PDB file of N, CA and C in Angstrom:
ATOM      1  N   MET A   1      21.237  -6.519  -3.865  1.00  0.00           N
ATOM      2  CA  MET A   1      20.890  -4.650  -3.692  1.00  0.00           C
ATOM      3  C   MET A   1      19.471  -4.079  -4.919  1.00  0.00           C
ATOM      4  N   GLY A   2      19.031  -2.902  -3.399  1.00  0.00           N
ATOM      5  CA  GLY A   2      17.474  -2.423  -3.805  1.00  0.00           C
ATOM      6  C   GLY A   2      17.772  -1.563  -4.991  1.00  0.00           C
ATOM      7  N   LYS A   3      16.776  -0.553  -5.653  1.00  0.00           N
ATOM      8  CA  LYS A   3      16.623   0.015  -6.419  1.00  0.00           C
ATOM      9  C   LYS A   3      16.307   1.078  -5.765  1.00  0.00           C
ATOM     10  N   LEU A   4      17.362   1.986  -6.327  1.00  0.00           N
ATOM     11  CA  LEU A   4      16.939   3.928  -5.652  1.00  0.00           C
ATOM     12  C   LEU A   4      15.685   4.321  -6.940  1.00  0.00           C
ATOM     13  N   ILE A   5      14.518   4.493  -5.858  1.00  0.00           N
ATOM     14  CA  ILE A   5      13.878   5.665  -7.433  1.00  0.00           C
ATOM     15  C   ILE A   5      13.737   6.767  -6.640  1.00  0.00           C
ATOM     16  N   TYR A   6      14.109   7.826  -7.684  1.00  0.00           N
ATOM     17  CA  TYR A   6      13.558   9.796  -6.870  1.00  0.00           C
ATOM     18  C   TYR A   6      12.890   9.774  -7.411  1.00  0.00           C
ATOM     19  N   SER A   7      11.549  10.262  -6.407  1.00  0.00           N
ATOM     20  CA  SER A   7      10.748  10.845  -6.721  1.00  0.00           C
ATOM     21  C   SER A   7      10.315  12.574  -5.663  1.00  0.00           C
ATOM     22  N   ALA A   8       9.948  13.412  -6.203  1.00  0.00           N
ATOM     23  CA  ALA A   8      10.061  14.642  -6.017  1.00  0.00           C
ATOM     24  C   ALA A   8       8.434  16.595  -6.582  1.00  0.00           C
ATOM     25  N   ILE A   9       7.775  16.039  -6.492  1.00  0.00           N
ATOM     26  CA  ILE A   9       7.454  17.185  -6.357  1.00  0.00           C
ATOM     27  C   ILE A   9       8.141  18.638  -6.968  1.00  0.00           C
ATOM     28  N   ALA A  10       8.251  19.400  -7.840  1.00  0.00           N
ATOM     29  CA  ALA A  10       8.725  20.511  -7.835  1.00  0.00           C
ATOM     30  C   ALA A  10       8.405  21.382  -9.289  1.00  0.00           C
ATOM     31  N   SER A  11       8.520  22.013  -9.159  1.00  0.00           N
ATOM     32  CA  SER A  11       8.525  23.572  -9.845  1.00  0.00           C
ATOM     33  C   SER A  11       9.050  23.529 -10.962  1.00  0.00           C
ATOM     34  N   LEU A  12       8.877  23.378 -12.616  1.00  0.00           N
ATOM     35  CA  LEU A  12       9.841  22.942 -13.645  1.00  0.00           C
ATOM     36  C   LEU A  12      11.209  23.969 -13.468  1.00  0.00           C
ATOM     37  N   ASP A  13      10.950  24.765 -12.360  1.00  0.00           N
ATOM     38  CA  ASP A  13      12.608  25.216 -12.260  1.00  0.00           C
ATOM     39  C   ASP A  13      13.442  24.149 -11.043  1.00  0.00           C
ATOM     40  N   GLY A  14      12.551  23.346 -10.717  1.00  0.00           N
ATOM     41  CA  GLY A  14      14.158  22.133  -9.959  1.00  0.00           C
ATOM     42  C   GLY A  14      13.282  22.487  -8.293  1.00  0.00           C
ATOM     43  N   TYR A  15      12.728  24.366  -7.589  1.00  0.00           N
ATOM     44  CA  TYR A  15      12.527  24.033  -6.408  1.00  0.00           C
ATOM     45  C   TYR A  15      11.401  23.270  -6.256  1.00  0.00           C
ATOM     46  N   VAL A  16      11.751  22.791  -4.510  1.00  0.00           N
ATOM     47  CA  VAL A  16      10.097  22.573  -4.187  1.00  0.00           C
ATOM     48  C   VAL A  16      10.105  22.933  -3.357  1.00  0.00           C
ATOM     49  N   ALA A  17      10.753  24.244  -2.771  1.00  0.00           N
ATOM     50  CA  ALA A  17       9.993  24.858  -1.493  1.00  0.00           C
ATOM     51  C   ALA A  17       9.630  26.432  -1.847  1.00  0.00           C
ATOM     52  N   ASP A  18       8.708  27.373  -1.548  1.00  0.00           N
ATOM     53  CA  ASP A  18       8.714  28.703  -2.259  1.00  0.00           C
ATOM     54  C   ASP A  18       9.911  30.554  -1.216  1.00  0.00           C
ATOM     55  N   LYS A  19       9.961  30.586  -1.578  1.00  0.00           N
ATOM     56  CA  LYS A  19      11.190  32.170  -1.694  1.00  0.00           C
ATOM     57  C   LYS A  19      11.207  32.084  -0.429  1.00  0.00           C
ATOM     58  N   ASP A  20       9.703  31.372   0.560  1.00  0.00           N
ATOM     59  CA  ASP A  20       9.985  31.365   1.580  1.00  0.00           C
ATOM     60  C   ASP A  20      10.206  30.342   2.942  1.00  0.00           C
ATOM     61  N   GLY A  21      10.572  29.626   1.835  1.00  0.00           N
ATOM     62  CA  GLY A  21      10.504  28.469   2.241  1.00  0.00           C
ATOM     63  C   GLY A  21       9.417  27.126   2.406  1.00  0.00           C
ATOM     64  N   ASN A  22       9.054  27.945   2.208  1.00  0.00           N
ATOM     65  CA  ASN A  22       7.002  27.264   2.257  1.00  0.00           C
ATOM     66  C   ASN A  22       6.848  25.800   0.773  1.00  0.00           C
ATOM     67  N   PHE A  23       6.267  25.084   1.859  1.00  0.00           N
ATOM     68  CA  PHE A  23       5.866  23.665   0.792  1.00  0.00           C
ATOM     69  C   PHE A  23       4.650  23.948   0.030  1.00  0.00           C
ATOM     70  N   ASP A  24       3.531  24.547   0.875  1.00  0.00           N
ATOM     71  CA  ASP A  24       2.043  24.208   0.782  1.00  0.00           C
ATOM     72  C   ASP A  24       1.444  24.499  -0.726  1.00  0.00           C
ATOM     73  N   TRP A  25       2.495  24.988  -1.846  1.00  0.00           N
ATOM     74  CA  TRP A  25       2.015  24.977  -2.784  1.00  0.00           C
ATOM     75  C   TRP A  25       2.045  23.827  -3.775  1.00  0.00           C
ATOM     76  N   ALA A  26       2.166  23.214  -3.045  1.00  0.00           N
ATOM     77  CA  ALA A  26       2.595  22.094  -4.083  1.00  0.00           C
ATOM     78  C   ALA A  26       1.202  20.861  -3.471  1.00  0.00           C
ATOM     79  N   ALA A  27       1.030  20.807  -2.589  1.00  0.00           N
ATOM     80  CA  ALA A  27      -0.569  20.803  -2.057  1.00  0.00           C
ATOM     81  C   ALA A  27      -1.651  20.010  -3.655  1.00  0.00           C
ATOM     82  N   PRO A  28      -0.878  18.463  -3.829  1.00  0.00           N
ATOM     83  CA  PRO A  28      -1.466  18.391  -5.391  1.00  0.00           C
ATOM     84  C   PRO A  28      -3.101  17.420  -5.343  1.00  0.00           C
ATOM     85  N   ASP A  29      -3.600  17.509  -6.251  1.00  0.00           N
ATOM     86  CA  ASP A  29      -5.566  17.621  -6.907  1.00  0.00           C
ATOM     87  C   ASP A  29      -5.277  16.076  -6.140  1.00  0.00           C
ATOM     88  N   ASP A  30      -6.706  15.977  -6.320  1.00  0.00           N
ATOM     89  CA  ASP A  30      -6.882  14.686  -6.354  1.00  0.00           C
ATOM     90  C   ASP A  30      -6.411  13.541  -7.368  1.00  0.00           C
ATOM     91  N   GLU A  31      -6.404  13.947  -8.560  1.00  0.00           N
ATOM     92  CA  GLU A  31      -6.219  12.778  -9.702  1.00  0.00           C
ATOM     93  C   GLU A  31      -4.114  12.751  -9.254  1.00  0.00           C
ATOM     94  N   VAL A  32      -3.595  13.478  -9.567  1.00  0.00           N
ATOM     95  CA  VAL A  32      -1.961  13.873  -8.348  1.00  0.00           C
ATOM     96  C   VAL A  32      -1.991  12.981  -7.489  1.00  0.00           C
ATOM     97  N   HIS A  33      -2.820  12.554  -6.124  1.00  0.00           N
ATOM     98  CA  HIS A  33      -2.226  12.318  -4.983  1.00  0.00           C
ATOM     99  C   HIS A  33      -3.062  10.608  -5.104  1.00  0.00           C
ATOM    100  N   ALA A  34      -3.917  10.162  -6.198  1.00  0.00           N
ATOM    101  CA  ALA A  34      -4.283   8.760  -6.192  1.00  0.00           C
ATOM    102  C   ALA A  34      -2.577   8.058  -7.119  1.00  0.00           C
ATOM    103  N   PHE A  35      -2.410   9.221  -7.999  1.00  0.00           N
ATOM    104  CA  PHE A  35      -0.787   9.228  -8.907  1.00  0.00           C
ATOM    105  C   PHE A  35       0.286   8.257  -7.171  1.00  0.00           C
ATOM    106  N   ALA A  36      -0.209  10.214  -6.834  1.00  0.00           N
ATOM    107  CA  ALA A  36       1.283   8.890  -6.173  1.00  0.00           C
ATOM    108  C   ALA A  36       1.385   7.784  -4.866  1.00  0.00           C
ATOM    109  N   ASN A  37      -0.034   8.566  -5.273  1.00  0.00           N
ATOM    110  CA  ASN A  37      -0.012   6.467  -3.209  1.00  0.00           C
ATOM    111  C   ASN A  37       0.418   5.416  -4.496  1.00  0.00           C
ATOM    112  N   ASP A  38       0.048   5.857  -5.478  1.00  0.00           N
ATOM    113  CA  ASP A  38      -0.098   4.274  -6.269  1.00  0.00           C
ATOM    114  C   ASP A  38       1.697   4.132  -6.385  1.00  0.00           C
ATOM    115  N   LEU A  39       2.407   5.055  -6.862  1.00  0.00           N
ATOM    116  CA  LEU A  39       3.884   5.079  -6.968  1.00  0.00           C
ATOM    117  C   LEU A  39       4.403   4.515  -5.560  1.00  0.00           C
ATOM    118  N   GLU A  40       4.248   5.080  -4.907  1.00  0.00           N
ATOM    119  CA  GLU A  40       4.644   4.976  -3.601  1.00  0.00           C
ATOM    120  C   GLU A  40       4.692   3.443  -2.352  1.00  0.00           C
ATOM    121  N   ARG A  41       3.252   3.704  -3.147  1.00  0.00           N
ATOM    122  CA  ARG A  41       2.661   1.933  -2.400  1.00  0.00           C
ATOM    123  C   ARG A  41       4.324   1.173  -2.402  1.00  0.00           C
ATOM    124  N   THR A  42       4.403   0.911  -3.396  1.00  0.00           N
ATOM    125  CA  THR A  42       5.240  -0.134  -3.518  1.00  0.00           C
ATOM    126  C   THR A  42       6.824   0.169  -2.378  1.00  0.00           C
ATOM    127  N   ILE A  43       6.997   1.106  -2.568  1.00  0.00           N
ATOM    128  CA  ILE A  43       7.955   1.582  -1.445  1.00  0.00           C
ATOM    129  C   ILE A  43       8.318   1.102  -0.132  1.00  0.00           C
ATOM    130  N   GLY A  44       9.704   0.720   0.132  1.00  0.00           N
ATOM    131  CA  GLY A  44      10.238   0.401   1.490  1.00  0.00           C
ATOM    132  C   GLY A  44      10.902   0.162   2.778  1.00  0.00           C
ATOM    133  N   THR A  45      11.061   1.567   1.884  1.00  0.00           N
ATOM    134  CA  THR A  45      12.400   2.798   2.487  1.00  0.00           C
ATOM    135  C   THR A  45      12.611   3.679   2.028  1.00  0.00           C
ATOM    136  N   HIS A  46      12.285   5.372   2.313  1.00  0.00           N
ATOM    137  CA  HIS A  46      12.106   6.437   2.130  1.00  0.00           C
ATOM    138  C   HIS A  46      13.305   6.800   2.441  1.00  0.00           C
ATOM    139  N   LEU A  47      14.352   8.169   1.354  1.00  0.00           N
ATOM    140  CA  LEU A  47      15.750   8.493   2.186  1.00  0.00           C
ATOM    141  C   LEU A  47      14.934  10.010   1.709  1.00  0.00           C
ATOM    142  N   PHE A  48      15.124  10.740   2.967  1.00  0.00           N
ATOM    143  CA  PHE A  48      15.272  11.929   3.079  1.00  0.00           C
ATOM    144  C   PHE A  48      16.296  12.362   3.867  1.00  0.00           C
ATOM    145  N   GLY A  49      16.873  13.876   3.802  1.00  0.00           N
ATOM    146  CA  GLY A  49      17.352  14.780   4.154  1.00  0.00           C
ATOM    147  C   GLY A  49      16.304  15.827   5.593  1.00  0.00           C
ATOM    148  N   ARG A  50      17.109  16.755   5.908  1.00  0.00           N
ATOM    149  CA  ARG A  50      16.050  17.091   7.537  1.00  0.00           C
ATOM    150  C   ARG A  50      15.048  17.643   7.050  1.00  0.00           C
ATOM    151  N   ARG A  51      15.034  18.408   6.436  1.00  0.00           N
ATOM    152  CA  ARG A  51      14.243  20.332   5.996  1.00  0.00           C
ATOM    153  C   ARG A  51      13.320  18.743   5.326  1.00  0.00           C
ATOM    154  N   MET A  52      13.086  17.835   4.536  1.00  0.00           N
ATOM    155  CA  MET A  52      11.786  17.075   3.547  1.00  0.00           C
ATOM    156  C   MET A  52      11.473  16.394   4.991  1.00  0.00           C
ATOM    157  N   TYR A  53      12.438  15.733   5.551  1.00  0.00           N
ATOM    158  CA  TYR A  53      11.492  14.342   6.154  1.00  0.00           C
ATOM    159  C   TYR A  53      10.907  15.798   7.657  1.00  0.00           C
ATOM    160  N   GLU A  54      11.553  17.030   7.671  1.00  0.00           N
ATOM    161  CA  GLU A  54      10.816  17.982   9.042  1.00  0.00           C
ATOM    162  C   GLU A  54       8.959  18.377   8.000  1.00  0.00           C
ATOM    163  N   VAL A  55       8.971  18.099   6.296  1.00  0.00           N
ATOM    164  CA  VAL A  55       7.510  18.263   6.041  1.00  0.00           C
ATOM    165  C   VAL A  55       7.404  17.269   6.006  1.00  0.00           C
ATOM    166  N   MET A  56       7.027  16.039   5.716  1.00  0.00           N
ATOM    167  CA  MET A  56       6.471  14.911   5.647  1.00  0.00           C
ATOM    168  C   MET A  56       6.324  14.351   6.966  1.00  0.00           C
ATOM    169  N   THR A  57       6.118  14.356   8.386  1.00  0.00           N
ATOM    170  CA  THR A  57       6.575  14.671   9.192  1.00  0.00           C
ATOM    171  C   THR A  57       4.979  13.937   9.076  1.00  0.00           C
ATOM    172  N   PHE A  58       4.214  15.083   8.993  1.00  0.00           N
ATOM    173  CA  PHE A  58       2.847  15.579   8.857  1.00  0.00           C
ATOM    174  C   PHE A  58       2.221  14.358   8.757  1.00  0.00           C
ATOM    175  N   TRP A  59       2.703  14.024   7.984  1.00  0.00           N
ATOM    176  CA  TRP A  59       1.956  11.866   7.506  1.00  0.00           C
ATOM    177  C   TRP A  59       2.352  10.984   8.377  1.00  0.00           C
ATOM    178  N   GLU A  60       2.252  11.475   9.777  1.00  0.00           N
ATOM    179  CA  GLU A  60       2.807  10.365  10.757  1.00  0.00           C
ATOM    180  C   GLU A  60       1.100  10.863  11.336  1.00  0.00           C
ATOM    181  N   THR A  61       0.494  11.899  11.434  1.00  0.00           N
ATOM    182  CA  THR A  61      -0.439  11.963  11.705  1.00  0.00           C
ATOM    183  C   THR A  61      -1.532  13.002  11.218  1.00  0.00           C
ATOM    184  N   ALA A  62      -1.390  12.294   9.784  1.00  0.00           N
ATOM    185  CA  ALA A  62      -2.498  12.653   8.979  1.00  0.00           C
ATOM    186  C   ALA A  62      -3.971  12.678   8.442  1.00  0.00           C
ATOM    187  N   HIS A  63      -4.091  11.092   9.255  1.00  0.00           N
ATOM    188  CA  HIS A  63      -4.752  10.467   9.168  1.00  0.00           C
ATOM    189  C   HIS A  63      -6.531  11.033  10.205  1.00  0.00           C
ATOM    190  N   THR A  64      -5.695  11.353  11.734  1.00  0.00           N
ATOM    191  CA  THR A  64      -6.350  11.668  12.257  1.00  0.00           C
ATOM    192  C   THR A  64      -6.889  13.235  12.847  1.00  0.00           C
ATOM    193  N   LEU A  65      -6.385  13.775  11.701  1.00  0.00           N
ATOM    194  CA  LEU A  65      -7.380  14.968  11.716  1.00  0.00           C
ATOM    195  C   LEU A  65      -9.102  15.027  11.137  1.00  0.00           C
ATOM    196  N   ALA A  66      -9.935  16.091  11.285  1.00  0.00           N
ATOM    197  CA  ALA A  66     -10.823  15.639  11.184  1.00  0.00           C
ATOM    198  C   ALA A  66     -10.816  16.096   9.464  1.00  0.00           C
ATOM    199  N   ASP A  67     -12.073  15.605   8.753  1.00  0.00           N
ATOM    200  CA  ASP A  67     -12.583  15.819   7.401  1.00  0.00           C
ATOM    201  C   ASP A  67     -10.733  15.913   6.717  1.00  0.00           C
ATOM    202  N   GLN A  68     -10.880  14.181   6.845  1.00  0.00           N
ATOM    203  CA  GLN A  68      -9.134  14.117   6.194  1.00  0.00           C
ATOM    204  C   GLN A  68      -9.973  13.815   4.736  1.00  0.00           C
ATOM    205  N   SER A  69      -9.544  13.534   3.230  1.00  0.00           N
ATOM    206  CA  SER A  69      -9.856  12.562   2.197  1.00  0.00           C
ATOM    207  C   SER A  69      -9.675  10.984   1.583  1.00  0.00           C
ATOM    208  N   ARG A  70     -10.107  10.622   1.640  1.00  0.00           N
ATOM    209  CA  ARG A  70      -9.884   9.460   1.384  1.00  0.00           C
ATOM    210  C   ARG A  70      -7.871   8.891   1.284  1.00  0.00           C
ATOM    211  N   LEU A  71      -7.730   9.927   0.299  1.00  0.00           N
ATOM    212  CA  LEU A  71      -6.508  10.024  -0.572  1.00  0.00           C
ATOM    213  C   LEU A  71      -5.564  10.830   0.729  1.00  0.00           C
ATOM    214  N   ILE A  72      -5.628  11.380   1.027  1.00  0.00           N
ATOM    215  CA  ILE A  72      -5.350  11.360   1.991  1.00  0.00           C
ATOM    216  C   ILE A  72      -4.412  10.593   3.653  1.00  0.00           C
ATOM    217  N   LYS A  73      -5.773  10.081   3.851  1.00  0.00           N
ATOM    218  CA  LYS A  73      -5.863   9.086   4.633  1.00  0.00           C
ATOM    219  C   LYS A  73      -5.036   7.486   4.061  1.00  0.00           C
ATOM    220  N   GLU A  74      -5.791   7.643   2.959  1.00  0.00           N
ATOM    221  CA  GLU A  74      -4.395   6.965   2.767  1.00  0.00           C
ATOM    222  C   GLU A  74      -2.868   6.111   2.861  1.00  0.00           C
ATOM    223  N   TYR A  75      -2.113   7.885   1.429  1.00  0.00           N
ATOM    224  CA  TYR A  75      -0.840   8.090   2.178  1.00  0.00           C
ATOM    225  C   TYR A  75      -0.477   8.354   2.899  1.00  0.00           C
ATOM    226  N   ALA A  76      -1.111   8.607   3.967  1.00  0.00           N
ATOM    227  CA  ALA A  76      -1.061   8.436   5.763  1.00  0.00           C
ATOM    228  C   ALA A  76      -0.215   7.349   6.286  1.00  0.00           C
ATOM    229  N   GLU A  77      -1.177   6.691   5.663  1.00  0.00           N
ATOM    230  CA  GLU A  77      -0.926   4.788   6.119  1.00  0.00           C
ATOM    231  C   GLU A  77       0.385   4.167   5.045  1.00  0.00           C
ATOM    232  N   ILE A  78       0.569   4.361   4.134  1.00  0.00           N
ATOM    233  CA  ILE A  78       1.482   4.675   3.020  1.00  0.00           C
ATOM    234  C   ILE A  78       2.648   4.694   3.734  1.00  0.00           C
ATOM    235  N   TRP A  79       2.823   6.254   3.940  1.00  0.00           N
ATOM    236  CA  TRP A  79       4.131   6.569   5.081  1.00  0.00           C
ATOM    237  C   TRP A  79       4.253   5.802   5.902  1.00  0.00           C
ATOM    238  N   GLN A  80       3.062   5.793   6.838  1.00  0.00           N
ATOM    239  CA  GLN A  80       3.142   5.320   8.450  1.00  0.00           C
ATOM    240  C   GLN A  80       3.758   3.538   7.890  1.00  0.00           C
ATOM    241  N   ALA A  81       3.469   2.577   6.606  1.00  0.00           N
ATOM    242  CA  ALA A  81       3.830   1.517   6.839  1.00  0.00           C
ATOM    243  C   ALA A  81       5.430   1.500   6.251  1.00  0.00           C
ATOM    244  N   ALA A  82       5.543   2.335   5.690  1.00  0.00           N
ATOM    245  CA  ALA A  82       7.360   2.474   5.683  1.00  0.00           C
ATOM    246  C   ALA A  82       8.013   2.525   6.159  1.00  0.00           C
ATOM    247  N   ASP A  83      10.172   1.755   6.171  1.00  0.00           N
ATOM    248  CA  ASP A  83      10.836   2.551   6.772  1.00  0.00           C
ATOM    249  C   ASP A  83      11.414   4.212   6.153  1.00  0.00           C
ATOM    250  N   LYS A  84      11.891   4.020   7.388  1.00  0.00           N
ATOM    251  CA  LYS A  84      12.401   6.064   6.236  1.00  0.00           C
ATOM    252  C   LYS A  84      14.133   6.277   7.337  1.00  0.00           C
ATOM    253  N   VAL A  85      14.372   7.121   6.129  1.00  0.00           N
ATOM    254  CA  VAL A  85      15.889   7.373   6.846  1.00  0.00           C
ATOM    255  C   VAL A  85      15.707   8.694   6.720  1.00  0.00           C
ATOM    256  N   VAL A  86      16.864   9.632   7.511  1.00  0.00           N
ATOM    257  CA  VAL A  86      16.825  10.732   7.699  1.00  0.00           C
ATOM    258  C   VAL A  86      17.854  11.085   7.576  1.00  0.00           C
ATOM    259  N   TYR A  87      19.028  11.567   6.648  1.00  0.00           N
ATOM    260  CA  TYR A  87      20.225  12.642   6.931  1.00  0.00           C
ATOM    261  C   TYR A  87      20.451  12.899   6.629  1.00  0.00           C
ATOM    262  N   SER A  88      20.618  13.744   8.489  1.00  0.00           N
ATOM    263  CA  SER A  88      20.996  15.111   8.841  1.00  0.00           C
ATOM    264  C   SER A  88      21.983  15.442  10.131  1.00  0.00           C
ATOM    265  N   ARG A  89      23.616  15.826   9.986  1.00  0.00           N
ATOM    266  CA  ARG A  89      23.745  16.263  11.700  1.00  0.00           C
ATOM    267  C   ARG A  89      23.559  16.959  12.111  1.00  0.00           C
ATOM    268  N   SER A  90      22.402  17.710  11.610  1.00  0.00           N
ATOM    269  CA  SER A  90      22.136  19.059  12.545  1.00  0.00           C
ATOM    270  C   SER A  90      20.669  18.438  13.980  1.00  0.00           C
ATOM    271  N   LEU A  91      19.981  17.315  12.804  1.00  0.00           N
ATOM    272  CA  LEU A  91      18.431  17.379  13.964  1.00  0.00           C
ATOM    273  C   LEU A  91      19.266  16.043  14.613  1.00  0.00           C
ATOM    274  N   ASP A  92      18.718  16.064  16.233  1.00  0.00           N
ATOM    275  CA  ASP A  92      18.808  15.712  17.118  1.00  0.00           C
ATOM    276  C   ASP A  92      18.021  14.516  17.427  1.00  0.00           C
ATOM    277  N   ALA A  93      17.093  14.533  17.453  1.00  0.00           N
ATOM    278  CA  ALA A  93      16.145  13.012  16.547  1.00  0.00           C
ATOM    279  C   ALA A  93      15.069  12.994  16.202  1.00  0.00           C
ATOM    280  N   VAL A  94      14.529  11.975  15.396  1.00  0.00           N
ATOM    281  CA  VAL A  94      13.753  11.460  14.914  1.00  0.00           C
ATOM    282  C   VAL A  94      12.276  11.817  15.273  1.00  0.00           C
ATOM    283  N   THR A  95      11.278  11.410  14.844  1.00  0.00           N
ATOM    284  CA  THR A  95       9.898  11.829  16.164  1.00  0.00           C
ATOM    285  C   THR A  95       8.967  10.571  15.393  1.00  0.00           C
ATOM    286  N   THR A  96       9.082  10.262  14.581  1.00  0.00           N
ATOM    287  CA  THR A  96       8.316   9.536  14.106  1.00  0.00           C
ATOM    288  C   THR A  96       8.805   8.108  13.779  1.00  0.00           C
ATOM    289  N   ALA A  97       7.891   6.698  13.880  1.00  0.00           N
ATOM    290  CA  ALA A  97       7.631   5.487  13.527  1.00  0.00           C
ATOM    291  C   ALA A  97       8.472   5.107  13.076  1.00  0.00           C
ATOM    292  N   ARG A  98       9.312   3.846  12.562  1.00  0.00           N
ATOM    293  CA  ARG A  98       9.463   3.224  11.309  1.00  0.00           C
ATOM    294  C   ARG A  98      10.883   4.567  10.888  1.00  0.00           C
ATOM    295  N   THR A  99      11.598   4.615  11.689  1.00  0.00           N
ATOM    296  CA  THR A  99      12.538   6.163  11.014  1.00  0.00           C
ATOM    297  C   THR A  99      14.271   6.156  11.948  1.00  0.00           C
ATOM    298  N   ARG A 100      14.812   6.421  11.499  1.00  0.00           N
ATOM    299  CA  ARG A 100      16.051   5.975  11.759  1.00  0.00           C
ATOM    300  C   ARG A 100      17.146   7.333  10.946  1.00  0.00           C
ATOM    301  N   LEU A 101      18.314   7.505  11.846  1.00  0.00           N
ATOM    302  CA  LEU A 101      18.730   8.750  11.600  1.00  0.00           C
ATOM    303  C   LEU A 101      19.912   8.237  11.478  1.00  0.00           C
ATOM    304  N   GLU A 102      20.742   9.560  10.933  1.00  0.00           N
ATOM    305  CA  GLU A 102      22.399   9.030   9.928  1.00  0.00           C
ATOM    306  C   GLU A 102      22.087   9.858   9.675  1.00  0.00           C
ATOM    307  N   ARG A 103      23.724  10.358  10.472  1.00  0.00           N
ATOM    308  CA  ARG A 103      25.107  11.042  10.198  1.00  0.00           C
ATOM    309  C   ARG A 103      25.290  11.502   8.829  1.00  0.00           C
ATOM    310  N   GLU A 104      25.990  10.361   8.187  1.00  0.00           N
ATOM    311  CA  GLU A 104      26.395  10.422   7.177  1.00  0.00           C
ATOM    312  C   GLU A 104      26.214   9.667   5.983  1.00  0.00           C
ATOM    313  N   PHE A 105      25.990   9.407   4.572  1.00  0.00           N
ATOM    314  CA  PHE A 105      25.515   9.364   3.273  1.00  0.00           C
ATOM    315  C   PHE A 105      26.328   7.739   3.128  1.00  0.00           C
ATOM    316  N   GLU A 106      25.321   6.155   3.849  1.00  0.00           N
ATOM    317  CA  GLU A 106      26.980   5.053   3.739  1.00  0.00           C
ATOM    318  C   GLU A 106      25.172   4.480   2.434  1.00  0.00           C
ATOM    319  N   PRO A 107      25.978   4.625   1.303  1.00  0.00           N
ATOM    320  CA  PRO A 107      24.749   3.806   0.090  1.00  0.00           C
ATOM    321  C   PRO A 107      24.829   2.045   0.679  1.00  0.00           C
ATOM    322  N   ASP A 108      25.417   1.538   1.051  1.00  0.00           N
ATOM    323  CA  ASP A 108      25.471  -0.179   2.000  1.00  0.00           C
ATOM    324  C   ASP A 108      24.601   0.025   2.562  1.00  0.00           C
ATOM    325  N   ARG A 109      23.755   0.857   3.401  1.00  0.00           N
ATOM    326  CA  ARG A 109      23.105   0.897   4.351  1.00  0.00           C
ATOM    327  C   ARG A 109      21.884   1.217   3.814  1.00  0.00           C
ATOM    328  N   CYS A 110      21.708   1.704   2.586  1.00  0.00           N
ATOM    329  CA  CYS A 110      20.662   2.982   2.795  1.00  0.00           C
ATOM    330  C   CYS A 110      19.192   1.195   3.325  1.00  0.00           C
ATOM    331  N   GLY A 111      18.668   0.626   2.204  1.00  0.00           N
ATOM    332  CA  GLY A 111      17.836  -0.700   2.699  1.00  0.00           C
ATOM    333  C   GLY A 111      18.510  -1.267   4.305  1.00  0.00           C
ATOM    334  N   ARG A 112      19.065  -0.902   4.909  1.00  0.00           N
ATOM    335  CA  ARG A 112      18.761  -2.125   5.723  1.00  0.00           C
ATOM    336  C   ARG A 112      18.023  -0.884   7.447  1.00  0.00           C
TER     337      ARG A 112
END
């Protein structure tokens, strides 16, 4: 069985979105971005709920946008190389490569 590592960018009081549901307040500076890239480089499978998955789909095409930093392009490559599992009863379909949709969380299926 694989190891489950939990990681999130959150405010000190535990929020990942602001009062309007936006996540842009958490954009990391270069030092934090480099640290996150190093942490996630070895991750084989990411587990997401619907809302976080919808935020993270940005990384599927981030490398194609003009004037992106080396760190942004690097993270886009890390995201694209990893498998992703989205747990949602309301999402109709996933829109990114290497991604599967699960309606229920079954721990024994996480790494498959």
